[in-house]
PDB file of N, CA and C in Angstrom:
ATOM      1  N   MET A   1      34.843 110.510  47.574  1.00  0.00           N
ATOM      2  CA  MET A   1      35.116 109.142  47.959  1.00  0.00           C
ATOM      3  C   MET A   1      34.674 108.214  46.832  1.00  0.00           C
ATOM      4  N   ARG A   2      35.384 107.109  46.717  1.00  0.00           N
ATOM      5  CA  ARG A   2      35.075 106.155  45.658  1.00  0.00           C
ATOM      6  C   ARG A   2      34.560 104.851  46.251  1.00  0.00           C
ATOM      7  N   LEU A   3      33.552 104.319  45.612  1.00  0.00           N
ATOM      8  CA  LEU A   3      32.987 103.051  46.081  1.00  0.00           C
ATOM      9  C   LEU A   3      33.983 101.905  45.966  1.00  0.00           C
ATOM     10  N   GLU A   4      34.978 102.028  45.081  1.00  0.00           N
ATOM     11  CA  GLU A   4      35.974 100.968  44.920  1.00  0.00           C
ATOM     12  C   GLU A   4      36.760 100.748  46.212  1.00  0.00           C
ATOM     13  N   ALA A   5      36.844 101.766  47.064  1.00  0.00           N
ATOM     14  CA  ALA A   5      37.579 101.659  48.326  1.00  0.00           C
ATOM     15  C   ALA A   5      36.796 100.880  49.382  1.00  0.00           C
ATOM     16  N   LEU A   6      35.540 100.603  49.121  1.00  0.00           N
ATOM     17  CA  LEU A   6      34.680  99.904  50.075  1.00  0.00           C
ATOM     18  C   LEU A   6      35.139  98.456  50.240  1.00  0.00           C
ATOM     19  N   ASP A   7      35.219  97.991  51.483  1.00  0.00           N
ATOM     20  CA  ASP A   7      35.605  96.611  51.768  1.00  0.00           C
ATOM     21  C   ASP A   7      34.387  95.707  51.569  1.00  0.00           C
ATOM     22  N   CYS A   8      34.195  95.278  50.329  1.00  0.00           N
ATOM     23  CA  CYS A   8      33.090  94.393  49.951  1.00  0.00           C
ATOM     24  C   CYS A   8      33.705  93.111  49.413  1.00  0.00           C
ATOM     25  N   ARG A   9      33.399  92.004  50.047  1.00  0.00           N
ATOM     26  CA  ARG A   9      33.987  90.728  49.639  1.00  0.00           C
ATOM     27  C   ARG A   9      32.897  89.778  49.171  1.00  0.00           C
ATOM     28  N   GLU A  10      33.188  89.130  48.066  1.00  0.00           N
ATOM     29  CA  GLU A  10      32.229  88.178  47.510  1.00  0.00           C
ATOM     30  C   GLU A  10      32.595  86.772  47.967  1.00  0.00           C
ATOM     31  N   PHE A  11      31.603  85.989  48.311  1.00  0.00           N
ATOM     32  CA  PHE A  11      31.788  84.582  48.632  1.00  0.00           C
ATOM     33  C   PHE A  11      30.711  83.820  47.887  1.00  0.00           C
ATOM     34  N   GLN A  12      30.803  82.514  47.892  1.00  0.00           N
ATOM     35  CA  GLN A  12      29.815  81.718  47.173  1.00  0.00           C
ATOM     36  C   GLN A  12      28.428  81.973  47.753  1.00  0.00           C
ATOM     37  N   GLY A  13      27.583  82.614  46.963  1.00  0.00           N
ATOM     38  CA  GLY A  13      26.211  82.863  47.384  1.00  0.00           C
ATOM     39  C   GLY A  13      25.924  84.241  47.929  1.00  0.00           C
ATOM     40  N   GLY A  14      26.930  85.120  48.004  1.00  0.00           N
ATOM     41  CA  GLY A  14      26.645  86.451  48.525  1.00  0.00           C
ATOM     42  C   GLY A  14      27.867  87.325  48.704  1.00  0.00           C
ATOM     43  N   ILE A  15      27.702  88.380  49.514  1.00  0.00           N
ATOM     44  CA  ILE A  15      28.778  89.337  49.763  1.00  0.00           C
ATOM     45  C   ILE A  15      28.808  89.695  51.255  1.00  0.00           C
ATOM     46  N   THR A  16      29.949  90.228  51.687  1.00  0.00           N
ATOM     47  CA  THR A  16      30.046  90.842  53.007  1.00  0.00           C
ATOM     48  C   THR A  16      30.527  92.272  52.818  1.00  0.00           C
ATOM     49  N   VAL A  17      30.114  93.144  53.710  1.00  0.00           N
ATOM     50  CA  VAL A  17      30.503  94.552  53.627  1.00  0.00           C
ATOM     51  C   VAL A  17      30.678  95.105  55.041  1.00  0.00           C
ATOM     52  N   LYS A  18      31.669  95.987  55.192  1.00  0.00           N
ATOM     53  CA  LYS A  18      31.899  96.646  56.480  1.00  0.00           C
ATOM     54  C   LYS A  18      30.984  97.859  56.583  1.00  0.00           C
ATOM     55  N   VAL A  19      30.387  98.027  57.758  1.00  0.00           N
ATOM     56  CA  VAL A  19      29.437  99.122  57.988  1.00  0.00           C
ATOM     57  C   VAL A  19      29.744  99.778  59.329  1.00  0.00           C
ATOM     58  N   LYS A  20      29.707 101.095  59.364  1.00  0.00           N
ATOM     59  CA  LYS A  20      29.809 101.865  60.620  1.00  0.00           C
ATOM     60  C   LYS A  20      28.431 102.461  60.862  1.00  0.00           C
ATOM     61  N   VAL A  21      27.798 102.098  61.978  1.00  0.00           N
ATOM     62  CA  VAL A  21      26.424 102.498  62.275  1.00  0.00           C
ATOM     63  C   VAL A  21      26.404 103.709  63.209  1.00  0.00           C
ATOM     64  N   GLN A  22      25.557 104.661  62.873  1.00  0.00           N
ATOM     65  CA  GLN A  22      25.303 105.826  63.725  1.00  0.00           C
ATOM     66  C   GLN A  22      23.864 105.703  64.232  1.00  0.00           C
ATOM     67  N   PRO A  23      23.671 105.206  65.467  1.00  0.00           N
ATOM     68  CA  PRO A  23      22.311 105.064  65.994  1.00  0.00           C
ATOM     69  C   PRO A  23      21.726 106.409  66.419  1.00  0.00           C
ATOM     70  N   ARG A  24      20.427 106.406  66.649  1.00  0.00           N
ATOM     71  CA  ARG A  24      19.682 107.598  67.087  1.00  0.00           C
ATOM     72  C   ARG A  24      19.845 108.774  66.129  1.00  0.00           C
ATOM     73  N   ALA A  25      19.872 108.488  64.855  1.00  0.00           N
ATOM     74  CA  ALA A  25      19.951 109.539  63.834  1.00  0.00           C
ATOM     75  C   ALA A  25      18.546 110.049  63.525  1.00  0.00           C
ATOM     76  N   SER A  26      18.469 111.101  62.753  1.00  0.00           N
ATOM     77  CA  SER A  26      17.162 111.674  62.412  1.00  0.00           C
ATOM     78  C   SER A  26      16.454 110.891  61.311  1.00  0.00           C
ATOM     79  N   ARG A  27      17.219 110.062  60.573  1.00  0.00           N
ATOM     80  CA  ARG A  27      16.621 109.272  59.492  1.00  0.00           C
ATOM     81  C   ARG A  27      17.471 108.036  59.238  1.00  0.00           C
ATOM     82  N   ASN A  28      16.888 107.050  58.578  1.00  0.00           N
ATOM     83  CA  ASN A  28      17.622 105.864  58.150  1.00  0.00           C
ATOM     84  C   ASN A  28      18.171 106.134  56.759  1.00  0.00           C
ATOM     85  N   ALA A  29      19.499 106.129  56.629  1.00  0.00           N
ATOM     86  CA  ALA A  29      20.101 106.424  55.329  1.00  0.00           C
ATOM     87  C   ALA A  29      21.578 106.066  55.326  1.00  0.00           C
ATOM     88  N   ILE A  30      22.096 105.794  54.131  1.00  0.00           N
ATOM     89  CA  ILE A  30      23.535 105.676  53.955  1.00  0.00           C
ATOM     90  C   ILE A  30      24.058 107.090  53.776  1.00  0.00           C
ATOM     91  N   LEU A  31      24.984 107.479  54.640  1.00  0.00           N
ATOM     92  CA  LEU A  31      25.493 108.846  54.627  1.00  0.00           C
ATOM     93  C   LEU A  31      26.753 109.005  53.788  1.00  0.00           C
ATOM     94  N   GLY A  32      27.389 107.906  53.443  1.00  0.00           N
ATOM     95  CA  GLY A  32      28.629 107.969  52.672  1.00  0.00           C
ATOM     96  C   GLY A  32      29.560 106.864  53.114  1.00  0.00           C
ATOM     97  N   MET A  33      30.847 107.182  53.116  1.00  0.00           N
ATOM     98  CA  MET A  33      31.856 106.206  53.498  1.00  0.00           C
ATOM     99  C   MET A  33      32.787 106.792  54.548  1.00  0.00           C
ATOM    100  N   ILE A  34      33.299 105.913  55.385  1.00  0.00           N
ATOM    101  CA  ILE A  34      34.368 106.244  56.325  1.00  0.00           C
ATOM    102  C   ILE A  34      35.446 105.191  56.095  1.00  0.00           C
ATOM    103  N   GLY A  35      36.558 105.597  55.522  1.00  0.00           N
ATOM    104  CA  GLY A  35      37.607 104.637  55.193  1.00  0.00           C
ATOM    105  C   GLY A  35      37.094 103.614  54.202  1.00  0.00           C
ATOM    106  N   ASP A  36      37.111 102.332  54.606  1.00  0.00           N
ATOM    107  CA  ASP A  36      36.627 101.263  53.726  1.00  0.00           C
ATOM    108  C   ASP A  36      35.256 100.740  54.149  1.00  0.00           C
ATOM    109  N   SER A  37      34.533 101.535  54.962  1.00  0.00           N
ATOM    110  CA  SER A  37      33.214 101.132  55.466  1.00  0.00           C
ATOM    111  C   SER A  37      32.117 102.077  54.998  1.00  0.00           C
ATOM    112  N   LEU A  38      30.912 101.531  54.849  1.00  0.00           N
ATOM    113  CA  LEU A  38      29.741 102.374  54.618  1.00  0.00           C
ATOM    114  C   LEU A  38      29.348 103.021  55.936  1.00  0.00           C
ATOM    115  N   LYS A  39      28.903 104.260  55.898  1.00  0.00           N
ATOM    116  CA  LYS A  39      28.374 104.910  57.099  1.00  0.00           C
ATOM    117  C   LYS A  39      26.859 104.881  56.993  1.00  0.00           C
ATOM    118  N   LEU A  40      26.225 104.227  57.958  1.00  0.00           N
ATOM    119  CA  LEU A  40      24.781 104.030  57.962  1.00  0.00           C
ATOM    120  C   LEU A  40      24.164 104.720  59.168  1.00  0.00           C
ATOM    121  N   ALA A  41      23.244 105.631  58.930  1.00  0.00           N
ATOM    122  CA  ALA A  41      22.502 106.299  59.999  1.00  0.00           C
ATOM    123  C   ALA A  41      21.202 105.541  60.231  1.00  0.00           C
ATOM    124  N   LEU A  42      20.891 105.279  61.503  1.00  0.00           N
ATOM    125  CA  LEU A  42      19.660 104.582  61.874  1.00  0.00           C
ATOM    126  C   LEU A  42      18.958 105.349  62.984  1.00  0.00           C
ATOM    127  N   THR A  43      17.642 105.416  62.918  1.00  0.00           N
ATOM    128  CA  THR A  43      16.876 106.126  63.945  1.00  0.00           C
ATOM    129  C   THR A  43      16.789 105.335  65.248  1.00  0.00           C
ATOM    130  N   SER A  44      16.967 104.035  65.186  1.00  0.00           N
ATOM    131  CA  SER A  44      16.840 103.178  66.369  1.00  0.00           C
ATOM    132  C   SER A  44      17.984 103.401  67.355  1.00  0.00           C
ATOM    133  N   PRO A  45      17.695 103.254  68.645  1.00  0.00           N
ATOM    134  CA  PRO A  45      18.758 103.347  69.649  1.00  0.00           C
ATOM    135  C   PRO A  45      19.511 102.014  69.730  1.00  0.00           C
ATOM    136  N   PRO A  46      20.742 102.049  70.222  1.00  0.00           N
ATOM    137  CA  PRO A  46      21.509 100.802  70.347  1.00  0.00           C
ATOM    138  C   PRO A  46      21.145 100.050  71.631  1.00  0.00           C
ATOM    139  N   VAL A  47      19.876  99.744  71.784  1.00  0.00           N
ATOM    140  CA  VAL A  47      19.377  99.107  73.002  1.00  0.00           C
ATOM    141  C   VAL A  47      18.633  97.830  72.630  1.00  0.00           C
ATOM    142  N   GLU A  48      18.973  96.734  73.297  1.00  0.00           N
ATOM    143  CA  GLU A  48      18.281  95.450  73.130  1.00  0.00           C
ATOM    144  C   GLU A  48      18.164  95.015  71.672  1.00  0.00           C
ATOM    145  N   GLY A  49      19.182  95.275  70.878  1.00  0.00           N
ATOM    146  CA  GLY A  49      19.206  94.826  69.496  1.00  0.00           C
ATOM    147  C   GLY A  49      18.359  95.627  68.526  1.00  0.00           C
ATOM    148  N   ALA A  50      17.809  96.750  68.958  1.00  0.00           N
ATOM    149  CA  ALA A  50      16.940  97.549  68.079  1.00  0.00           C
ATOM    150  C   ALA A  50      17.701  98.076  66.868  1.00  0.00           C
ATOM    151  N   ALA A  51      18.911  98.563  67.074  1.00  0.00           N
ATOM    152  CA  ALA A  51      19.698  99.086  65.953  1.00  0.00           C
ATOM    153  C   ALA A  51      20.119  97.955  65.015  1.00  0.00           C
ATOM    154  N   ASN A  52      20.434  96.785  65.565  1.00  0.00           N
ATOM    155  CA  ASN A  52      20.785  95.642  64.720  1.00  0.00           C
ATOM    156  C   ASN A  52      19.600  95.225  63.851  1.00  0.00           C
ATOM    157  N   SER A  53      18.421  95.171  64.437  1.00  0.00           N
ATOM    158  CA  SER A  53      17.216  94.824  63.671  1.00  0.00           C
ATOM    159  C   SER A  53      16.939  95.855  62.589  1.00  0.00           C
ATOM    160  N   ALA A  54      17.124  97.124  62.914  1.00  0.00           N
ATOM    161  CA  ALA A  54      16.916  98.190  61.931  1.00  0.00           C
ATOM    162  C   ALA A  54      17.945  98.105  60.812  1.00  0.00           C
ATOM    163  N   CYS A  55      19.171  97.751  61.152  1.00  0.00           N
ATOM    164  CA  CYS A  55      20.237  97.597  60.159  1.00  0.00           C
ATOM    165  C   CYS A  55      19.886  96.479  59.173  1.00  0.00           C
ATOM    166  N   ILE A  56      19.448  95.354  59.695  1.00  0.00           N
ATOM    167  CA  ILE A  56      19.053  94.220  58.852  1.00  0.00           C
ATOM    168  C   ILE A  56      17.877  94.610  57.960  1.00  0.00           C
ATOM    169  N   ALA A  57      16.872  95.247  58.529  1.00  0.00           N
ATOM    170  CA  ALA A  57      15.698  95.661  57.751  1.00  0.00           C
ATOM    171  C   ALA A  57      16.081  96.670  56.672  1.00  0.00           C
ATOM    172  N   PHE A  58      16.984  97.597  56.987  1.00  0.00           N
ATOM    173  CA  PHE A  58      17.411  98.605  56.018  1.00  0.00           C
ATOM    174  C   PHE A  58      18.068  97.947  54.805  1.00  0.00           C
ATOM    175  N   PHE A  59      19.036  97.061  55.048  1.00  0.00           N
ATOM    176  CA  PHE A  59      19.736  96.422  53.928  1.00  0.00           C
ATOM    177  C   PHE A  59      18.821  95.472  53.157  1.00  0.00           C
ATOM    178  N   ALA A  60      17.912  94.786  53.835  1.00  0.00           N
ATOM    179  CA  ALA A  60      16.962  93.910  53.142  1.00  0.00           C
ATOM    180  C   ALA A  60      16.093  94.722  52.187  1.00  0.00           C
ATOM    181  N   ALA A  61      15.614  95.874  52.639  1.00  0.00           N
ATOM    182  CA  ALA A  61      14.781  96.728  51.782  1.00  0.00           C
ATOM    183  C   ALA A  61      15.596  97.339  50.645  1.00  0.00           C
ATOM    184  N   LEU A  62      16.800  97.810  50.948  1.00  0.00           N
ATOM    185  CA  LEU A  62      17.640  98.453  49.930  1.00  0.00           C
ATOM    186  C   LEU A  62      17.975  97.499  48.791  1.00  0.00           C
ATOM    187  N   PHE A  63      18.310  96.256  49.130  1.00  0.00           N
ATOM    188  CA  PHE A  63      18.735  95.291  48.114  1.00  0.00           C
ATOM    189  C   PHE A  63      17.626  94.332  47.693  1.00  0.00           C
ATOM    190  N   SER A  64      16.406  94.584  48.138  1.00  0.00           N
ATOM    191  CA  SER A  64      15.227  93.793  47.754  1.00  0.00           C
ATOM    192  C   SER A  64      15.418  92.300  48.005  1.00  0.00           C
ATOM    193  N   VAL A  65      15.893  91.988  49.200  1.00  0.00           N
ATOM    194  CA  VAL A  65      16.020  90.591  49.618  1.00  0.00           C
ATOM    195  C   VAL A  65      15.262  90.439  50.937  1.00  0.00           C
ATOM    196  N   GLY A  66      14.963  89.221  51.292  1.00  0.00           N
ATOM    197  CA  GLY A  66      14.290  88.983  52.568  1.00  0.00           C
ATOM    198  C   GLY A  66      15.228  89.245  53.741  1.00  0.00           C
ATOM    199  N   LYS A  67      14.658  89.533  54.887  1.00  0.00           N
ATOM    200  CA  LYS A  67      15.476  89.787  56.080  1.00  0.00           C
ATOM    201  C   LYS A  67      16.339  88.581  56.442  1.00  0.00           C
ATOM    202  N   SER A  68      15.874  87.385  56.092  1.00  0.00           N
ATOM    203  CA  SER A  68      16.656  86.182  56.396  1.00  0.00           C
ATOM    204  C   SER A  68      17.930  86.093  55.557  1.00  0.00           C
ATOM    205  N   HIS A  69      18.033  86.907  54.507  1.00  0.00           N
ATOM    206  CA  HIS A  69      19.226  86.930  53.657  1.00  0.00           C
ATOM    207  C   HIS A  69      20.275  87.915  54.161  1.00  0.00           C
ATOM    208  N   VAL A  70      19.956  88.674  55.194  1.00  0.00           N
ATOM    209  CA  VAL A  70      20.881  89.669  55.744  1.00  0.00           C
ATOM    210  C   VAL A  70      21.205  89.281  57.183  1.00  0.00           C
ATOM    211  N   THR A  71      22.494  89.115  57.472  1.00  0.00           N
ATOM    212  CA  THR A  71      22.915  88.781  58.832  1.00  0.00           C
ATOM    213  C   THR A  71      24.105  89.648  59.239  1.00  0.00           C
ATOM    214  N   ILE A  72      24.241  89.838  60.530  1.00  0.00           N
ATOM    215  CA  ILE A  72      25.393  90.549  61.076  1.00  0.00           C
ATOM    216  C   ILE A  72      26.411  89.484  61.468  1.00  0.00           C
ATOM    217  N   VAL A  73      27.511  89.432  60.721  1.00  0.00           N
ATOM    218  CA  VAL A  73      28.539  88.420  60.942  1.00  0.00           C
ATOM    219  C   VAL A  73      29.351  88.746  62.189  1.00  0.00           C
ATOM    220  N   SER A  74      29.694  90.017  62.346  1.00  0.00           N
ATOM    221  CA  SER A  74      30.417  90.442  63.546  1.00  0.00           C
ATOM    222  C   SER A  74      30.021  91.867  63.896  1.00  0.00           C
ATOM    223  N   GLY A  75      30.156  92.197  65.170  1.00  0.00           N
ATOM    224  CA  GLY A  75      29.842  93.543  65.627  1.00  0.00           C
ATOM    225  C   GLY A  75      28.440  93.714  66.169  1.00  0.00           C
ATOM    226  N   GLN A  76      27.837  92.644  66.680  1.00  0.00           N
ATOM    227  CA  GLN A  76      26.480  92.747  67.221  1.00  0.00           C
ATOM    228  C   GLN A  76      26.380  93.775  68.341  1.00  0.00           C
ATOM    229  N   LYS A  77      27.456  93.988  69.074  1.00  0.00           N
ATOM    230  CA  LYS A  77      27.442  94.948  70.182  1.00  0.00           C
ATOM    231  C   LYS A  77      28.393  96.112  69.921  1.00  0.00           C
ATOM    232  N   SER A  78      28.625  96.396  68.652  1.00  0.00           N
ATOM    233  CA  SER A  78      29.549  97.458  68.269  1.00  0.00           C
ATOM    234  C   SER A  78      28.927  98.295  67.159  1.00  0.00           C
ATOM    235  N   ARG A  79      29.427  99.494  66.983  1.00  0.00           N
ATOM    236  CA  ARG A  79      28.965 100.318  65.864  1.00  0.00           C
ATOM    237  C   ARG A  79      29.598  99.871  64.554  1.00  0.00           C
ATOM    238  N   GLU A  80      30.737  99.202  64.640  1.00  0.00           N
ATOM    239  CA  GLU A  80      31.413  98.686  63.448  1.00  0.00           C
ATOM    240  C   GLU A  80      30.992  97.241  63.242  1.00  0.00           C
ATOM    241  N   LYS A  81      30.369  96.983  62.100  1.00  0.00           N
ATOM    242  CA  LYS A  81      29.785  95.675  61.835  1.00  0.00           C
ATOM    243  C   LYS A  81      30.254  95.139  60.489  1.00  0.00           C
ATOM    244  N   ILE A  82      30.169  93.841  60.335  1.00  0.00           N
ATOM    245  CA  ILE A  82      30.318  93.206  59.033  1.00  0.00           C
ATOM    246  C   ILE A  82      28.973  92.565  58.731  1.00  0.00           C
ATOM    247  N   ILE A  83      28.392  92.981  57.613  1.00  0.00           N
ATOM    248  CA  ILE A  83      27.067  92.524  57.197  1.00  0.00           C
ATOM    249  C   ILE A  83      27.225  91.531  56.049  1.00  0.00           C
ATOM    250  N   LYS A  84      26.512  90.416  56.134  1.00  0.00           N
ATOM    251  CA  LYS A  84      26.500  89.422  55.059  1.00  0.00           C
ATOM    252  C   LYS A  84      25.138  89.458  54.388  1.00  0.00           C
ATOM    253  N   ILE A  85      25.154  89.544  53.055  1.00  0.00           N
ATOM    254  CA  ILE A  85      23.915  89.527  52.275  1.00  0.00           C
ATOM    255  C   ILE A  85      24.018  88.375  51.288  1.00  0.00           C
ATOM    256  N   THR A  86      23.146  87.387  51.418  1.00  0.00           N
ATOM    257  CA  THR A  86      23.153  86.256  50.499  1.00  0.00           C
ATOM    258  C   THR A  86      22.197  86.527  49.341  1.00  0.00           C
ATOM    259  N   GLY A  87      22.449  85.848  48.232  1.00  0.00           N
ATOM    260  CA  GLY A  87      21.610  86.027  47.053  1.00  0.00           C
ATOM    261  C   GLY A  87      21.950  87.281  46.267  1.00  0.00           C
ATOM    262  N   LEU A  88      23.148  87.811  46.473  1.00  0.00           N
ATOM    263  CA  LEU A  88      23.562  89.059  45.830  1.00  0.00           C
ATOM    264  C   LEU A  88      25.034  88.940  45.482  1.00  0.00           C
ATOM    265  N   ASP A  89      25.396  89.295  44.250  1.00  0.00           N
ATOM    266  CA  ASP A  89      26.811  89.284  43.895  1.00  0.00           C
ATOM    267  C   ASP A  89      27.389  90.695  43.998  1.00  0.00           C
ATOM    268  N   ARG A  90      28.688  90.797  43.846  1.00  0.00           N
ATOM    269  CA  ARG A  90      29.389  92.074  43.997  1.00  0.00           C
ATOM    270  C   ARG A  90      28.882  93.115  43.001  1.00  0.00           C
ATOM    271  N   ASP A  91      28.672  92.708  41.751  1.00  0.00           N
ATOM    272  CA  ASP A  91      28.189  93.650  40.730  1.00  0.00           C
ATOM    273  C   ASP A  91      26.796  94.167  41.078  1.00  0.00           C
ATOM    274  N   GLY A  92      25.919  93.274  41.511  1.00  0.00           N
ATOM    275  CA  GLY A  92      24.573  93.681  41.911  1.00  0.00           C
ATOM    276  C   GLY A  92      24.595  94.604  43.110  1.00  0.00           C
ATOM    277  N   PHE A  93      25.488  94.321  44.054  1.00  0.00           N
ATOM    278  CA  PHE A  93      25.635  95.165  45.240  1.00  0.00           C
ATOM    279  C   PHE A  93      26.018  96.587  44.838  1.00  0.00           C
ATOM    280  N   PHE A  94      27.050  96.717  44.010  1.00  0.00           N
ATOM    281  CA  PHE A  94      27.510  98.049  43.618  1.00  0.00           C
ATOM    282  C   PHE A  94      26.513  98.768  42.710  1.00  0.00           C
ATOM    283  N   ALA A  95      25.777  98.021  41.895  1.00  0.00           N
ATOM    284  CA  ALA A  95      24.767  98.652  41.039  1.00  0.00           C
ATOM    285  C   ALA A  95      23.682  99.312  41.887  1.00  0.00           C
ATOM    286  N   VAL A  96      23.188  98.608  42.890  1.00  0.00           N
ATOM    287  CA  VAL A  96      22.157  99.167  43.771  1.00  0.00           C
ATOM    288  C   VAL A  96      22.733 100.304  44.604  1.00  0.00           C
ATOM    289  N   LEU A  97      23.925 100.104  45.127  1.00  0.00           N
ATOM    290  CA  LEU A  97      24.552 101.127  45.965  1.00  0.00           C
ATOM    291  C   LEU A  97      24.829 102.400  45.170  1.00  0.00           C
ATOM    292  N   ASP A  98      25.314 102.253  43.948  1.00  0.00           N
ATOM    293  CA  ASP A  98      25.544 103.426  43.082  1.00  0.00           C
ATOM    294  C   ASP A  98      24.266 104.226  42.917  1.00  0.00           C
ATOM    295  N   LYS A  99      23.188 103.538  42.638  1.00  0.00           N
ATOM    296  CA  LYS A  99      21.904 104.199  42.410  1.00  0.00           C
ATOM    297  C   LYS A  99      21.375 104.863  43.681  1.00  0.00           C
ATOM    298  N   ALA A 100      21.562 104.193  44.822  1.00  0.00           N
ATOM    299  CA  ALA A 100      21.006 104.677  46.085  1.00  0.00           C
ATOM    300  C   ALA A 100      21.770 105.855  46.676  1.00  0.00           C
ATOM    301  N   VAL A 101      23.076 105.891  46.481  1.00  0.00           N
ATOM    302  CA  VAL A 101      23.878 106.909  47.170  1.00  0.00           C
ATOM    303  C   VAL A 101      24.773 107.723  46.246  1.00  0.00           C
ATOM    304  N   LEU A 102      24.501 107.706  44.984  1.00  0.00           N
ATOM    305  CA  LEU A 102      25.354 108.403  44.021  1.00  0.00           C
ATOM    306  C   LEU A 102      25.562 109.863  44.389  1.00  0.00           C
ATOM    307  N   ASP A 103      24.528 110.515  44.867  1.00  0.00           N
ATOM    308  CA  ASP A 103      24.631 111.934  45.195  1.00  0.00           C
ATOM    309  C   ASP A 103      25.205 112.193  46.585  1.00  0.00           C
ATOM    310  N   LYS A 104      25.472 111.144  47.366  1.00  0.00           N
ATOM    311  CA  LYS A 104      25.947 111.334  48.741  1.00  0.00           C
ATOM    312  C   LYS A 104      27.422 111.019  48.923  1.00  0.00           C
ATOM    313  N   ILE A 105      28.013 110.336  47.956  1.00  0.00           N
ATOM    314  CA  ILE A 105      29.417 109.939  48.094  1.00  0.00           C
ATOM    315  C   ILE A 105      30.273 110.770  47.157  1.00  0.00           C
TER     316      ILE A 105
END
């Protein structure tokens, strides 16, 4: 799979990316891609926003931004989400993602 196929859109001040979440996984990790979305495994259950909070914390840590810079634009009650990360451009996003998941994609 190629990262170029990922649906990552740049806007003034940040990027958005499509994510497919797998809750109740054995570890928190990016597992690869499904179509044009990142596949993200999270240990949290999809109950009372726990998986959403874990998703935000995961991306904040991965891209070294504060949690307030990561928001779920759509899909709060779905496994398919659109995540917005401010303070990050498309090149920076792919540079970190390449380094983090190069051996998994």
